[in-house]
Protein backbone atom coordinates (compact mmCIF):
# COMPACT_ATOMS: atom_id res chain seq x y z
CA UNK A 1 80.45 76.74 37.94
CA UNK A 2 78.75 78.52 35.06
CA UNK A 3 76.66 81.57 35.89
CA UNK A 4 76.66 83.25 32.49
CA UNK A 5 73.38 84.54 31.15
CA UNK A 6 72.25 84.16 27.57
CA UNK A 7 69.53 86.58 26.51
CA UNK A 8 66.30 85.49 24.86
CA UNK A 9 65.93 86.56 21.26
CA UNK A 10 64.88 90.23 21.37
CA UNK A 11 61.63 91.44 19.81
CA UNK A 12 62.18 93.00 16.44
CA UNK A 13 60.31 95.02 13.81
CA UNK A 14 60.40 94.28 10.13
CA UNK A 15 60.20 97.58 8.15
CA UNK A 16 57.55 97.49 5.44
CA UNK A 17 60.15 98.14 2.76
CA UNK A 18 62.56 95.54 4.17
CA UNK A 19 63.97 92.89 1.78
CA UNK A 20 62.78 90.38 4.37
CA UNK A 21 59.26 91.05 3.09
CA UNK A 22 60.34 89.83 -0.35
CA UNK A 23 61.04 86.29 0.87
CA UNK A 24 58.57 83.58 -0.21
CA UNK A 25 55.61 82.72 2.00
CA UNK A 26 57.03 79.19 2.44
CA UNK A 27 59.90 80.68 4.39
CA UNK A 28 57.58 82.47 6.82
CA UNK A 29 55.41 79.38 7.17
CA UNK A 30 58.55 77.38 8.05
CA UNK A 31 59.57 79.95 10.70
CA UNK A 32 56.06 80.29 12.18
CA UNK A 33 55.53 76.56 12.56
CA UNK A 34 58.61 76.47 14.78
CA UNK A 35 57.63 79.40 17.02
CA UNK A 36 56.09 78.83 20.43
CA UNK A 37 52.47 79.93 20.97
CA UNK A 38 53.83 82.97 22.83
CA UNK A 39 56.23 83.71 19.97
CA UNK A 40 53.39 83.51 17.47
CA UNK A 41 51.33 85.90 19.62
CA UNK A 42 54.14 88.45 19.41
CA UNK A 43 55.00 87.83 15.74
CA UNK A 44 51.41 88.42 14.60
CA UNK A 45 51.82 92.08 15.66
CA UNK A 46 54.61 92.62 13.09
CA UNK A 47 53.89 94.41 9.79
CA UNK A 48 54.54 92.91 6.38
CA UNK A 49 54.46 89.33 5.24
CA UNK A 50 55.92 87.85 8.41
CA UNK A 51 53.14 89.35 10.56
CA UNK A 52 50.52 88.29 8.04
CA UNK A 53 51.64 84.66 8.07
CA UNK A 54 52.02 84.67 11.85
CA UNK A 55 48.47 86.00 12.23
CA UNK A 56 47.12 83.33 9.90
CA UNK A 57 49.01 80.61 11.77
CA UNK A 58 48.09 81.81 15.25
CA UNK A 59 44.41 82.15 14.43
CA UNK A 60 43.98 78.93 12.42
CA UNK A 61 46.10 76.40 14.38
CA UNK A 62 44.96 73.92 16.95
CA UNK A 63 46.09 71.62 19.72
CA UNK A 64 44.73 68.07 19.77
CA UNK A 65 44.01 66.19 23.00
CA UNK A 66 42.70 62.65 23.20
CA UNK A 67 42.67 59.48 25.31
CA UNK A 68 43.65 56.10 23.91
CA UNK A 69 44.87 52.68 24.99
CA UNK A 70 48.18 51.67 23.42
CA UNK A 71 47.85 48.04 24.34
CA UNK A 72 45.07 46.91 22.03
CA UNK A 73 44.80 46.40 18.29
CA UNK A 74 41.81 48.74 17.96
CA UNK A 75 42.52 52.39 17.27
CA UNK A 76 40.04 54.17 19.45
CA UNK A 77 40.32 57.72 20.77
CA UNK A 78 38.01 58.89 23.59
CA UNK A 79 37.29 62.35 25.05
CA UNK A 80 39.03 63.98 22.08
CA UNK A 81 38.95 67.66 21.27
CA UNK A 82 40.72 70.30 19.23
CA UNK A 83 41.57 73.55 21.01
CA UNK A 84 42.00 76.69 18.92
CA UNK A 85 45.30 78.19 20.12
CA UNK A 86 44.31 81.83 19.80
CA UNK A 87 40.80 81.75 21.29
CA UNK A 88 40.83 78.60 23.38
CA UNK A 89 37.63 77.40 21.69
CA UNK A 90 37.14 73.63 21.77
CA UNK A 91 35.87 71.52 18.87
CA UNK A 92 34.43 68.14 19.81
CA UNK A 93 32.21 66.90 16.99
CA UNK A 94 33.25 64.67 14.10
CA UNK A 95 32.11 67.34 11.61
CA UNK A 96 34.26 69.96 13.31
CA UNK A 97 37.26 67.62 13.30
CA UNK A 98 36.91 66.98 9.58
CA UNK A 99 36.93 70.72 8.85
CA UNK A 100 40.38 71.12 10.39
CA UNK A 101 43.30 69.89 8.21
CA UNK A 102 45.90 67.82 10.06
CA UNK A 103 48.66 70.33 9.15
CA UNK A 104 46.81 72.95 11.24
CA UNK A 105 47.43 70.90 14.42
CA UNK A 106 50.55 72.36 16.13
CA UNK A 107 50.83 70.01 19.08
CA UNK A 108 49.31 66.74 20.11
CA UNK A 109 48.66 65.31 23.61
CA UNK A 110 47.70 61.65 24.07
CA UNK A 111 46.61 60.35 27.48
CA UNK A 112 47.50 56.66 27.43
CA UNK A 113 45.55 54.22 29.62
CA UNK A 114 48.24 51.60 28.83
CA UNK A 115 51.72 52.17 27.34
CA UNK A 116 52.58 48.79 25.90
CA UNK A 117 53.29 48.02 22.25
CA UNK A 118 53.76 51.57 20.99
CA UNK A 119 52.04 50.68 17.70
CA UNK A 120 49.02 52.92 18.19
CA UNK A 121 51.24 55.75 19.42
CA UNK A 122 53.26 55.50 16.21
CA UNK A 123 50.07 55.52 14.06
CA UNK A 124 48.83 58.63 15.81
CA UNK A 125 52.15 60.43 15.46
CA UNK A 126 52.22 59.55 11.75
CA UNK A 127 48.68 60.88 11.37
CA UNK A 128 49.72 64.25 12.91
CA UNK A 129 53.10 64.19 11.19
CA UNK A 130 53.45 67.98 10.97
CA UNK A 131 52.85 68.69 14.67
CA UNK A 132 55.54 70.63 16.48
CA UNK A 133 55.42 68.50 19.68
CA UNK A 134 54.00 65.20 20.85
CA UNK A 135 53.05 65.02 24.52
CA UNK A 136 52.01 61.96 26.50
CA UNK A 137 50.09 61.51 29.74
CA UNK A 138 50.69 58.09 31.29
CA UNK A 139 47.91 56.68 33.50
CA UNK A 140 49.44 53.20 33.67
CA UNK A 141 51.94 52.23 36.34
CA UNK A 142 53.81 49.98 33.89
CA UNK A 143 55.59 50.77 30.64
CA UNK A 144 56.93 48.27 28.11
CA UNK A 145 60.33 48.43 26.52
CA UNK A 146 58.65 48.66 23.08
CA UNK A 147 56.79 51.81 24.06
CA UNK A 148 59.92 53.33 25.57
CA UNK A 149 61.84 52.60 22.35
CA UNK A 150 59.12 54.53 20.53
CA UNK A 151 59.29 57.48 22.97
CA UNK A 152 63.11 57.63 22.78
CA UNK A 153 62.89 57.64 18.94
CA UNK A 154 60.75 60.79 18.79
CA UNK A 155 62.57 63.87 17.57
CA UNK A 156 59.83 66.24 18.69
CA UNK A 157 58.94 64.94 22.13
CA UNK A 158 57.27 67.59 24.27
CA UNK A 159 56.28 66.78 27.85
CA UNK A 160 55.52 63.56 29.72
CA UNK A 161 52.80 63.65 32.40
CA UNK A 162 52.89 60.89 35.03
CA UNK A 163 49.49 60.45 36.71
CA UNK A 164 50.42 57.49 38.94
CA UNK A 165 53.49 56.01 40.63
CA UNK A 166 55.54 53.87 38.26
CA UNK A 167 56.40 50.29 39.14
CA UNK A 168 60.05 49.34 39.50
CA UNK A 169 60.59 48.15 35.93
CA UNK A 170 58.72 51.08 34.47
CA UNK A 171 60.79 53.42 36.62
CA UNK A 172 63.97 51.88 35.18
CA UNK A 173 62.71 52.37 31.62
CA UNK A 174 61.64 55.93 32.35
CA UNK A 175 65.13 56.72 33.62
CA UNK A 176 66.37 55.72 30.22
CA UNK A 177 64.23 58.42 28.64
CA UNK A 178 65.44 60.98 31.17
CA UNK A 179 69.05 60.00 30.57
CA UNK A 180 68.50 60.59 26.84
CA UNK A 181 68.12 64.32 27.65
CA UNK A 182 65.07 64.78 25.36
CA UNK A 183 62.45 66.05 27.76
CA UNK A 184 61.95 69.83 27.88
CA UNK A 185 59.20 69.46 30.47
CA UNK A 186 58.25 66.87 33.04
CA UNK A 187 54.82 66.92 34.67
CA UNK A 188 53.82 64.76 37.61
CA UNK A 189 50.67 64.47 39.60
CA UNK A 190 51.02 64.57 43.35
CA UNK A 191 50.06 60.88 43.57
CA UNK A 192 52.96 59.89 41.25
CA UNK A 193 55.57 61.33 43.62
CA UNK A 194 57.88 59.29 45.88
CA UNK A 195 61.58 59.16 46.71
CA UNK A 196 62.44 57.46 43.42
CA UNK A 197 60.64 60.18 41.49
CA UNK A 198 62.48 62.85 43.51
CA UNK A 199 65.77 61.33 42.31
CA UNK A 200 64.54 61.53 38.72
CA UNK A 201 63.41 65.14 39.13
CA UNK A 202 66.76 66.10 40.64
CA UNK A 203 68.51 64.52 37.62
CA UNK A 204 66.38 66.19 35.01
CA UNK A 205 66.42 69.61 36.70
CA UNK A 206 70.19 69.64 36.14
CA UNK A 207 69.85 69.02 32.36
CA UNK A 208 70.36 71.99 30.04
CA UNK A 209 67.41 71.23 27.71
CA UNK A 210 64.82 71.15 30.52
CA UNK A 211 62.65 74.25 30.79
CA UNK A 212 60.28 73.39 33.59
CA UNK A 213 58.78 70.79 35.91
CA UNK A 214 55.14 70.94 36.75
CA UNK A 215 53.54 69.47 39.85
CA UNK A 216 49.80 69.14 39.54
CA UNK A 217 46.66 67.75 41.13
CA UNK A 218 44.32 66.66 38.32
CA UNK A 219 42.57 64.04 40.49
CA UNK A 220 40.09 64.70 43.26
CA UNK A 221 42.46 63.81 46.06
CA UNK A 222 44.17 65.62 48.89
CA UNK A 223 47.67 66.83 48.02
CA UNK A 224 49.85 64.75 50.32
CA UNK A 225 53.41 64.61 48.97
CA UNK A 226 56.31 66.88 49.95
CA UNK A 227 57.37 67.43 46.31
CA UNK A 228 57.33 71.24 46.40
CA UNK A 229 59.34 71.44 49.65
CA UNK A 230 61.81 68.83 48.41
CA UNK A 231 62.52 70.64 45.14
CA UNK A 232 62.87 74.00 46.82
CA UNK A 233 65.41 72.49 49.21
CA UNK A 234 67.25 70.95 46.21
CA UNK A 235 67.31 74.42 44.59
CA UNK A 236 68.74 75.94 47.81
CA UNK A 237 71.60 73.43 47.68
CA UNK A 238 72.14 73.47 43.89
CA UNK A 239 70.99 76.89 42.70
CA UNK A 240 73.62 77.21 39.92
CA UNK A 241 72.43 74.03 38.23
CA UNK A 242 68.75 75.15 38.32
CA UNK A 243 69.22 78.73 37.18
CA UNK A 244 66.71 79.63 34.47
CA UNK A 245 64.46 76.59 35.13
CA UNK A 246 60.88 76.84 36.41
CA UNK A 247 58.65 74.93 38.77
CA UNK A 248 54.92 75.28 38.10
CA UNK A 249 52.20 74.33 40.53
CA UNK A 250 48.95 73.65 38.67
CA UNK A 251 45.51 72.65 39.83
CA UNK A 252 42.43 71.06 38.36
CA UNK A 253 40.94 70.33 41.77
CA UNK A 254 43.22 71.98 44.33
CA UNK A 255 46.90 72.80 44.91
CA UNK A 256 46.51 74.55 48.28
CA UNK A 257 48.92 72.15 49.94
CA UNK A 258 51.56 72.85 47.32
CA UNK A 259 51.10 76.58 47.90
CA UNK A 260 51.30 76.01 51.64
CA UNK A 261 54.63 74.16 51.17
CA UNK A 262 55.98 77.11 49.20
CA UNK A 263 54.88 79.61 51.89
CA UNK A 264 56.30 77.46 54.68
CA UNK A 265 59.64 77.17 52.90
CA UNK A 266 59.84 80.92 52.36
CA UNK A 267 58.84 81.61 56.00
CA UNK A 268 61.50 79.17 57.25
CA UNK A 269 64.24 81.16 55.45
CA UNK A 270 63.24 84.44 57.09
CA UNK A 271 65.45 85.59 59.98
CA UNK A 272 62.28 86.47 61.87
CA UNK A 273 60.67 83.14 62.84
CA UNK A 274 57.35 82.25 61.13
CA UNK A 275 57.30 85.57 59.23
CA UNK A 276 56.82 85.65 55.45
CA UNK A 277 58.56 88.48 53.64
CA UNK A 278 58.51 88.81 49.87
CA UNK A 279 59.59 91.93 47.99
CA UNK A 280 58.06 93.15 44.77
CA UNK A 281 60.45 93.19 41.82
CA UNK A 282 61.62 96.53 40.45
CA UNK A 283 61.36 97.43 36.76
CA UNK A 284 65.05 96.80 36.33
CA UNK A 285 64.73 93.28 37.75
CA UNK A 286 61.73 92.56 35.54
CA UNK A 287 63.62 93.74 32.50
CA UNK A 288 66.48 91.41 33.46
CA UNK A 289 64.39 88.24 33.89
CA UNK A 290 62.44 89.08 30.71
CA UNK A 291 65.68 89.44 28.77
CA UNK A 292 67.55 86.41 30.11
CA UNK A 293 64.80 84.06 31.17
CA UNK A 294 61.87 85.05 28.85
CA UNK A 295 59.70 85.56 31.93
CA UNK A 296 57.19 87.56 29.91
CA UNK A 297 56.30 84.39 27.97
CA UNK A 298 54.35 83.20 31.02
CA UNK A 299 50.83 84.56 30.63
CA UNK A 300 47.88 84.89 33.03
CA UNK A 301 44.29 86.06 32.69
CA UNK A 302 44.65 88.15 35.86
CA UNK A 303 48.37 88.25 36.68
CA UNK A 304 49.98 89.00 40.05
CA UNK A 305 52.92 91.26 40.30
CA UNK A 306 56.31 89.48 40.47
CA UNK A 307 57.59 88.70 43.94
CA UNK A 308 61.20 87.99 44.85
CA UNK A 309 62.87 85.85 47.49
CA UNK A 310 66.64 86.17 48.01
CA UNK A 311 69.03 84.20 50.19
CA UNK A 312 72.76 83.41 50.45
CA UNK A 313 75.77 85.65 50.29
CA UNK A 314 78.29 86.65 47.64
CA UNK A 315 78.70 84.06 44.85
CA UNK A 316 76.11 81.89 46.58
CA UNK A 317 73.37 84.55 46.29
CA UNK A 318 70.27 82.93 44.83
CA UNK A 319 66.76 84.13 44.04
CA UNK A 320 63.23 82.89 43.42
CA UNK A 321 60.81 84.90 41.29
CA UNK A 322 57.19 84.06 42.03
CA UNK A 323 54.06 84.95 40.04
CA UNK A 324 50.57 83.47 39.99
CA UNK A 325 47.10 83.52 38.50
CA UNK A 326 44.69 85.74 40.49
CA UNK A 327 41.63 85.10 38.33
CA UNK A 328 38.59 83.31 39.71
CA UNK A 329 37.01 80.34 37.91
CA UNK A 330 34.38 82.67 36.44
CA UNK A 331 37.06 85.06 35.14
CA UNK A 332 39.00 82.20 33.62
CA UNK A 333 35.90 80.94 31.77
CA UNK A 334 35.31 84.43 30.34
CA UNK A 335 38.38 83.86 28.08
CA UNK A 336 39.88 87.29 28.68
CA UNK A 337 43.18 88.16 26.93
CA UNK A 338 46.21 86.87 28.79
CA UNK A 339 49.05 89.08 30.02
CA UNK A 340 52.43 88.54 31.72
CA UNK A 341 53.00 89.30 35.40
CA UNK A 342 54.29 92.84 35.67
CA UNK A 343 54.70 95.93 37.85
CA UNK A 344 50.97 96.63 37.45
CA UNK A 345 49.95 93.09 38.48
CA UNK A 346 47.83 92.39 41.55
CA UNK A 347 49.78 92.77 44.84
CA UNK A 348 47.89 90.45 47.17
CA UNK A 349 49.71 87.44 48.63
CA UNK A 350 46.47 86.28 50.26
CA UNK A 351 45.38 85.12 46.77
CA UNK A 352 48.32 82.71 46.52
CA UNK A 353 46.66 79.88 48.48
CA UNK A 354 43.70 79.76 46.09
CA UNK A 355 45.72 80.37 42.89
CA UNK A 356 45.03 77.98 40.05
CA UNK A 357 48.59 78.29 38.77
CA UNK A 358 51.83 79.34 40.49
CA UNK A 359 55.09 79.87 38.64
CA UNK A 360 58.45 79.84 40.40
CA UNK A 361 61.55 80.86 38.44
CA UNK A 362 64.89 79.73 39.80
CA UNK A 363 67.58 82.39 39.41
């Protein structure tokens, strides 16, 4: 049993007369291209050369998103856009695409209608060879061994999003990717969930490199699975293995049922039947989860405060930290600056059911 905590790298200030400011720009560019978006956002506030390069990187870099079919010989990308990381602005025209150099694309997400030969996926990865991460959304229920060989060969694999249930052979191949311990994030749509997927999620949640699982509803369907309840129960039985990981509930259409499962689980653990009780975190607790779990890296347009659920006794004491987006659709479209959940966040649990994003930290 290992319950040690390892702190996140602390924020630091580079003095203007520091020798660090004498290092070549290539060094700062190398460091900045490996920082997360949140890390860049913090680094751009620093003085000197480091802050200057971080500002330039943060304000001139993009994410690429496109849809393709890796089962044909024709390289065709549909519904493609570039999203400016700092502002969120989307570029969609061919002229706008040409104006952005490929080395300004930090991460790439391909939604694959078919995942067969892997040839087109390789071509696209080679085209964006300087990207930090390559993410894939799989619409198909089948995956070929050739495509899985390609996915397992990637050194900078980001997340995999499963939009539909995988067939038996595809499930076997996907387990191979999971066993390779390369995924830092697994995303599944509610319709892709079943008992076999629960086994996969239990396995990956116990892997050290994993940061979070995301359960989403990006299709106009009713949320029907018990995924949220099942994972919360798994956490209750295996809290040490999940410490520091996150479960995110995300919606494009609705995630009310996922929120309901969370609330039902919390109410069922309360000594008073059918009563929900969540405490607000103190400043000391927030400082702790910021230091050891980088909780402040999770940003919202209109953040809630951070709520806490505790259960168990002694060495078996375990906690959930819950925060969520309180902004309406109109407020989200206004592109306001994002902030972490904090003591000054909105204290209104009634907003949880309609939240567009809910973050649950296992601790």
